[in-house]
Amino acid sequence: GYINSECPSACDYRCSKTQYKKACVFFCNYCCLKCLCVPSGTYGNKEECPCYNNMKTKRGTPKCP
């Protein structure tokens, strides 16, 4: 698990390949603060962080990038 101060750098890497960087970083940091976990790599691997994987928006779509 990450500590809160590690979330920004973990999320910068997680979001490094997306074209929606601002939104990605915002939601990734939100999820990291709640879950204290960010999946490895820039995409996928969400099974590493069940909390991160299971957070949904009101519409039922994945909240965490």
N, C-alpha and C. Protein backbone atom coordinates (compact mmCIF):
# COMPACT_ATOMS: atom_id res chain seq x y z
N GLY A 1 0.82 -1.20 0.00
CA GLY A 1 0.00 0.00 0.00
C GLY A 1 0.86 1.26 0.00
N TYR A 2 0.31 2.32 -0.51
CA TYR A 2 1.00 3.60 -0.56
C TYR A 2 0.62 4.42 0.65
N ILE A 3 1.52 5.32 1.04
CA ILE A 3 1.11 6.37 1.97
C ILE A 3 0.70 7.58 1.14
N ASN A 4 -0.11 8.45 1.73
CA ASN A 4 -0.71 9.54 0.97
C ASN A 4 0.30 10.34 0.16
N SER A 5 1.48 10.57 0.72
CA SER A 5 2.46 11.41 0.02
C SER A 5 3.01 10.74 -1.23
N GLU A 6 2.80 9.44 -1.37
CA GLU A 6 3.29 8.72 -2.55
C GLU A 6 2.27 8.70 -3.68
N CYS A 7 1.03 9.11 -3.39
CA CYS A 7 -0.02 9.04 -4.40
C CYS A 7 0.29 9.87 -5.64
N PRO A 8 0.73 11.15 -5.50
CA PRO A 8 0.94 11.95 -6.71
C PRO A 8 1.95 11.35 -7.69
N SER A 9 3.05 10.81 -7.19
CA SER A 9 4.03 10.25 -8.13
C SER A 9 3.53 8.93 -8.71
N ALA A 10 2.84 8.13 -7.91
CA ALA A 10 2.27 6.88 -8.42
C ALA A 10 1.24 7.18 -9.50
N CYS A 11 0.44 8.23 -9.28
CA CYS A 11 -0.61 8.57 -10.23
C CYS A 11 -0.06 9.25 -11.47
N ASP A 12 1.00 10.02 -11.32
CA ASP A 12 1.64 10.61 -12.50
C ASP A 12 2.09 9.50 -13.44
N TYR A 13 2.66 8.44 -12.87
CA TYR A 13 3.10 7.32 -13.71
C TYR A 13 1.88 6.58 -14.28
N ARG A 14 0.91 6.30 -13.43
CA ARG A 14 -0.28 5.57 -13.85
C ARG A 14 -0.94 6.27 -15.05
N CYS A 15 -0.93 7.60 -15.04
CA CYS A 15 -1.64 8.40 -16.04
C CYS A 15 -0.73 8.91 -17.15
N SER A 16 0.49 8.41 -17.21
CA SER A 16 1.48 9.01 -18.13
C SER A 16 1.17 8.77 -19.60
N LYS A 17 0.33 7.77 -19.91
CA LYS A 17 0.08 7.47 -21.32
C LYS A 17 -1.30 7.90 -21.80
N THR A 18 -2.13 8.45 -20.92
CA THR A 18 -3.48 8.83 -21.33
C THR A 18 -3.51 10.23 -21.92
N GLN A 19 -4.49 10.48 -22.79
CA GLN A 19 -4.66 11.83 -23.32
C GLN A 19 -5.51 12.68 -22.37
N TYR A 20 -6.13 12.04 -21.39
CA TYR A 20 -6.98 12.75 -20.42
C TYR A 20 -6.24 12.86 -19.09
N LYS A 21 -5.04 13.41 -19.16
CA LYS A 21 -4.14 13.38 -18.01
C LYS A 21 -4.72 14.05 -16.76
N LYS A 22 -5.31 15.24 -16.93
CA LYS A 22 -5.81 15.97 -15.76
C LYS A 22 -6.88 15.19 -15.02
N ALA A 23 -7.84 14.67 -15.75
CA ALA A 23 -8.92 13.90 -15.13
C ALA A 23 -8.38 12.62 -14.53
N CYS A 24 -7.49 11.97 -15.26
CA CYS A 24 -6.90 10.71 -14.78
C CYS A 24 -6.18 10.93 -13.46
N VAL A 25 -5.33 11.94 -13.41
CA VAL A 25 -4.56 12.22 -12.20
C VAL A 25 -5.50 12.57 -11.04
N PHE A 26 -6.53 13.36 -11.32
CA PHE A 26 -7.48 13.74 -10.28
C PHE A 26 -8.14 12.49 -9.66
N PHE A 27 -8.69 11.64 -10.51
CA PHE A 27 -9.39 10.46 -9.99
C PHE A 27 -8.43 9.44 -9.40
N CYS A 28 -7.27 9.30 -10.00
CA CYS A 28 -6.27 8.38 -9.45
C CYS A 28 -5.88 8.81 -8.04
N ASN A 29 -5.62 10.09 -7.84
CA ASN A 29 -5.25 10.57 -6.50
C ASN A 29 -6.39 10.39 -5.51
N TYR A 30 -7.61 10.65 -5.95
CA TYR A 30 -8.79 10.45 -5.10
C TYR A 30 -8.85 8.99 -4.65
N CYS A 31 -8.68 8.09 -5.61
CA CYS A 31 -8.75 6.66 -5.30
C CYS A 31 -7.58 6.21 -4.44
N CYS A 32 -6.40 6.74 -4.73
CA CYS A 32 -5.22 6.38 -3.96
C CYS A 32 -5.38 6.81 -2.51
N LEU A 33 -5.91 8.00 -2.28
CA LEU A 33 -6.09 8.48 -0.91
C LEU A 33 -7.07 7.59 -0.15
N LYS A 34 -8.11 7.10 -0.86
CA LYS A 34 -9.10 6.26 -0.21
C LYS A 34 -8.60 4.82 -0.05
N CYS A 35 -7.90 4.32 -1.06
CA CYS A 35 -7.54 2.89 -1.10
C CYS A 35 -6.10 2.63 -0.67
N LEU A 36 -5.27 3.67 -0.69
CA LEU A 36 -3.83 3.53 -0.40
C LEU A 36 -3.19 2.48 -1.29
N CYS A 37 -3.62 2.48 -2.54
CA CYS A 37 -3.08 1.53 -3.51
C CYS A 37 -3.32 2.09 -4.89
N VAL A 38 -2.33 1.94 -5.76
CA VAL A 38 -2.47 2.27 -7.18
C VAL A 38 -1.93 1.06 -7.94
N PRO A 39 -2.69 0.55 -8.91
CA PRO A 39 -2.19 -0.62 -9.65
C PRO A 39 -0.89 -0.31 -10.39
N SER A 40 -0.08 -1.32 -10.60
CA SER A 40 1.18 -1.12 -11.30
C SER A 40 0.91 -0.92 -12.80
N GLY A 41 1.86 -0.31 -13.48
CA GLY A 41 1.72 -0.09 -14.91
C GLY A 41 0.85 1.12 -15.21
N THR A 42 0.66 1.40 -16.50
CA THR A 42 -0.10 2.57 -16.90
C THR A 42 -1.55 2.21 -17.21
N TYR A 43 -1.88 0.92 -17.22
CA TYR A 43 -3.23 0.48 -17.58
C TYR A 43 -3.46 -0.92 -17.02
N GLY A 44 -4.72 -1.21 -16.67
CA GLY A 44 -5.03 -2.56 -16.21
C GLY A 44 -4.42 -2.87 -14.85
N ASN A 45 -4.19 -4.15 -14.57
CA ASN A 45 -3.62 -4.64 -13.30
C ASN A 45 -4.45 -4.26 -12.09
N LYS A 46 -5.75 -3.96 -12.30
CA LYS A 46 -6.54 -3.45 -11.18
C LYS A 46 -6.81 -4.52 -10.12
N GLU A 47 -6.62 -5.78 -10.48
CA GLU A 47 -6.83 -6.83 -9.47
C GLU A 47 -5.82 -6.71 -8.32
N GLU A 48 -4.75 -5.97 -8.53
CA GLU A 48 -3.77 -5.74 -7.46
C GLU A 48 -4.36 -4.86 -6.35
N CYS A 49 -5.38 -4.09 -6.68
CA CYS A 49 -5.97 -3.13 -5.74
C CYS A 49 -7.49 -3.29 -5.74
N PRO A 50 -8.01 -4.28 -5.01
CA PRO A 50 -9.46 -4.53 -5.05
C PRO A 50 -10.29 -3.29 -4.73
N CYS A 51 -9.87 -2.50 -3.75
CA CYS A 51 -10.60 -1.29 -3.39
C CYS A 51 -10.65 -0.33 -4.56
N TYR A 52 -9.52 -0.13 -5.21
CA TYR A 52 -9.39 0.76 -6.36
C TYR A 52 -10.26 0.24 -7.51
N ASN A 53 -10.22 -1.07 -7.70
CA ASN A 53 -10.96 -1.71 -8.78
C ASN A 53 -12.47 -1.61 -8.56
N ASN A 54 -12.92 -1.65 -7.30
CA ASN A 54 -14.34 -1.76 -7.00
C ASN A 54 -15.05 -0.41 -6.85
N MET A 55 -14.30 0.69 -6.82
CA MET A 55 -14.95 2.00 -6.69
C MET A 55 -15.65 2.35 -7.99
N LYS A 56 -16.91 2.72 -7.90
CA LYS A 56 -17.72 3.03 -9.09
C LYS A 56 -18.30 4.44 -9.00
N THR A 57 -18.57 5.02 -10.17
CA THR A 57 -19.28 6.29 -10.22
C THR A 57 -20.77 6.03 -9.98
N LYS A 58 -21.54 7.10 -9.89
CA LYS A 58 -22.99 6.94 -9.71
C LYS A 58 -23.62 6.16 -10.86
N ARG A 59 -23.02 6.24 -12.03
CA ARG A 59 -23.55 5.52 -13.20
C ARG A 59 -23.10 4.07 -13.23
N GLY A 60 -22.25 3.69 -12.28
CA GLY A 60 -21.80 2.29 -12.23
C GLY A 60 -20.59 1.99 -13.08
N THR A 61 -19.94 3.04 -13.60
CA THR A 61 -18.70 2.82 -14.36
C THR A 61 -17.51 2.92 -13.41
N PRO A 62 -16.37 2.35 -13.79
CA PRO A 62 -15.20 2.41 -12.89
C PRO A 62 -14.80 3.85 -12.61
N LYS A 63 -14.55 4.17 -11.35
CA LYS A 63 -14.18 5.53 -10.97
C LYS A 63 -12.67 5.73 -11.11
N CYS A 64 -11.91 4.70 -10.87
CA CYS A 64 -10.45 4.83 -10.78
C CYS A 64 -9.79 4.41 -12.08
N PRO A 65 -8.86 5.22 -12.55
CA PRO A 65 -8.23 4.93 -13.86
C PRO A 65 -7.17 3.83 -13.78
